[in-house]
Amino acid sequence: MNCPKCQSEAIKVINSRPSAEGQRRRRKCLVCDERFSTVEILAEESSGEYLVVCAADGEVLAVISDGEIIEKKGISVVRAHG
């Protein structure tokens, strides 16, 4: 996940709480001090469960399955299986 202001990957979670949408997290960039919110939603498909991390405006920032990032800001990552 990148900072929406400076695109740095140096991000820290400063607050976390459950919400109606999923797990809401307040994040802070360690480079430019920008603060922003994300919502993590657990989703299920026939292929299994995955976690979707969204910005407060609904933009999908990352999709995570089995602890591996499979999509980040619209860029798919091919994973090798077994």
C-alpha atoms as a PDB file:
ATOM      1  CA  MET A   1       0.000   0.000   0.000  1.00  0.00           C
ATOM      2  CA  ASN A   2       1.277   3.439  -0.907  1.00  0.00           C
ATOM      3  CA  CYS A   3       0.704   6.859   0.583  1.00  0.00           C
ATOM      4  CA  PRO A   4      -1.900   8.724  -1.507  1.00  0.00           C
ATOM      5  CA  LYS A   5       0.177  11.924  -1.276  1.00  0.00           C
ATOM      6  CA  CYS A   6       3.832  10.905  -1.830  1.00  0.00           C
ATOM      7  CA  GLN A   7       3.445   7.240  -2.940  1.00  0.00           C
ATOM      8  CA  SER A   8       5.823   5.991  -0.220  1.00  0.00           C
ATOM      9  CA  GLU A   9       5.324   2.433   1.053  1.00  0.00           C
ATOM     10  CA  ALA A  10       6.435   3.469   4.576  1.00  0.00           C
ATOM     11  CA  ILE A  11       2.982   3.333   6.194  1.00  0.00           C
ATOM     12  CA  LYS A  12       2.083   2.822   9.855  1.00  0.00           C
ATOM     13  CA  VAL A  13      -1.331   1.870  11.305  1.00  0.00           C
ATOM     14  CA  ILE A  14      -2.109   4.349  14.094  1.00  0.00           C
ATOM     15  CA  ASN A  15      -5.653   3.256  14.967  1.00  0.00           C
ATOM     16  CA  SER A  16      -7.837   0.246  14.224  1.00  0.00           C
ATOM     17  CA  ARG A  17     -11.496  -0.413  14.980  1.00  0.00           C
ATOM     18  CA  PRO A  18     -14.372  -2.519  13.683  1.00  0.00           C
ATOM     19  CA  SER A  19     -17.059  -0.766  11.642  1.00  0.00           C
ATOM     20  CA  ALA A  20     -20.196  -1.717   9.704  1.00  0.00           C
ATOM     21  CA  GLU A  21     -18.153  -2.000   6.478  1.00  0.00           C
ATOM     22  CA  GLY A  22     -15.308  -4.064   7.971  1.00  0.00           C
ATOM     23  CA  GLN A  23     -12.112  -3.269   9.857  1.00  0.00           C
ATOM     24  CA  ARG A  24     -11.402   0.485   9.667  1.00  0.00           C
ATOM     25  CA  ARG A  25      -7.757   1.514  10.013  1.00  0.00           C
ATOM     26  CA  ARG A  26      -6.258   4.983  10.344  1.00  0.00           C
ATOM     27  CA  ARG A  27      -2.833   5.081   8.689  1.00  0.00           C
ATOM     28  CA  LYS A  28       0.070   7.534   8.651  1.00  0.00           C
ATOM     29  CA  CYS A  29       2.845   7.932   6.099  1.00  0.00           C
ATOM     30  CA  LEU A  30       6.246   7.902   7.801  1.00  0.00           C
ATOM     31  CA  VAL A  31       7.749  10.067   5.031  1.00  0.00           C
ATOM     32  CA  CYS A  32       5.319  12.978   4.573  1.00  0.00           C
ATOM     33  CA  ASP A  33       3.055  12.539   7.674  1.00  0.00           C
ATOM     34  CA  GLU A  34      -0.109  12.272   5.523  1.00  0.00           C
ATOM     35  CA  ARG A  35      -2.935  10.533   7.416  1.00  0.00           C
ATOM     36  CA  PHE A  36      -5.611   8.509   5.669  1.00  0.00           C
ATOM     37  CA  SER A  37      -8.215   5.831   6.395  1.00  0.00           C
ATOM     38  CA  THR A  38      -8.709   2.386   4.906  1.00  0.00           C
ATOM     39  CA  VAL A  39     -11.400  -0.254   5.339  1.00  0.00           C
ATOM     40  CA  GLU A  40     -10.549  -3.965   5.200  1.00  0.00           C
ATOM     41  CA  ILE A  41     -13.357  -6.225   3.989  1.00  0.00           C
ATOM     42  CA  LEU A  42     -13.244 -10.030   4.132  1.00  0.00           C
ATOM     43  CA  ALA A  43     -14.786 -11.446   0.954  1.00  0.00           C
ATOM     44  CA  GLU A  44     -15.474 -15.004  -0.179  1.00  0.00           C
ATOM     45  CA  GLU A  45     -15.479 -16.582  -3.620  1.00  0.00           C
ATOM     46  CA  SER A  46     -15.500 -20.166  -4.786  1.00  0.00           C
ATOM     47  CA  SER A  47     -11.684 -20.005  -4.914  1.00  0.00           C
ATOM     48  CA  GLY A  48     -11.508 -19.066  -1.206  1.00  0.00           C
ATOM     49  CA  GLU A  49     -11.446 -16.066   1.094  1.00  0.00           C
ATOM     50  CA  TYR A  50      -9.533 -12.878   0.435  1.00  0.00           C
ATOM     51  CA  LEU A  51      -9.112  -9.512   2.077  1.00  0.00           C
ATOM     52  CA  VAL A  52      -9.888  -6.298   0.187  1.00  0.00           C
ATOM     53  CA  VAL A  53      -8.287  -3.071   1.479  1.00  0.00           C
ATOM     54  CA  CYS A  54     -10.131   0.067   0.364  1.00  0.00           C
ATOM     55  CA  ALA A  55      -9.477   3.770   0.820  1.00  0.00           C
ATOM     56  CA  ALA A  56     -12.168   5.825   2.522  1.00  0.00           C
ATOM     57  CA  ASP A  57     -13.423   6.918  -0.923  1.00  0.00           C
ATOM     58  CA  GLY A  58     -13.905   3.248  -1.969  1.00  0.00           C
ATOM     59  CA  GLU A  59     -10.795   2.919  -4.126  1.00  0.00           C
ATOM     60  CA  VAL A  60      -9.361  -0.609  -3.896  1.00  0.00           C
ATOM     61  CA  LEU A  61      -5.774  -0.357  -2.647  1.00  0.00           C
ATOM     62  CA  ALA A  62      -4.922  -4.059  -2.301  1.00  0.00           C
ATOM     63  CA  VAL A  63      -6.383  -7.563  -2.501  1.00  0.00           C
ATOM     64  CA  ILE A  64      -4.744 -10.137  -0.237  1.00  0.00           C
ATOM     65  CA  SER A  65      -5.162 -13.934  -0.305  1.00  0.00           C
ATOM     66  CA  ASP A  66      -3.320 -16.428   1.921  1.00  0.00           C
ATOM     67  CA  GLY A  67      -1.126 -13.587   3.194  1.00  0.00           C
ATOM     68  CA  GLU A  68       0.058 -12.704  -0.332  1.00  0.00           C
ATOM     69  CA  ILE A  69      -0.822  -9.489  -2.125  1.00  0.00           C
ATOM     70  CA  ILE A  70      -2.452 -10.551  -5.396  1.00  0.00           C
ATOM     71  CA  GLU A  71      -3.441  -7.081  -6.585  1.00  0.00           C
ATOM     72  CA  LYS A  72      -2.169  -3.659  -5.567  1.00  0.00           C
ATOM     73  CA  LYS A  73      -3.638  -0.406  -6.921  1.00  0.00           C
ATOM     74  CA  GLY A  74      -4.951  -2.168 -10.035  1.00  0.00           C
ATOM     75  CA  ILE A  75      -1.727  -4.048 -10.817  1.00  0.00           C
ATOM     76  CA  SER A  76      -2.235  -7.813 -10.712  1.00  0.00           C
ATOM     77  CA  VAL A  77       0.572 -10.004  -9.437  1.00  0.00           C
ATOM     78  CA  VAL A  78       0.864 -13.527 -10.850  1.00  0.00           C
ATOM     79  CA  ARG A  79       1.387 -16.122  -8.136  1.00  0.00           C
ATOM     80  CA  ALA A  80       2.898 -19.553  -8.669  1.00  0.00           C
ATOM     81  CA  HIS A  81       0.906 -22.438  -7.174  1.00  0.00           C
ATOM     82  CA  GLY A  82       2.255 -25.632  -5.725  1.00  0.00           C
END
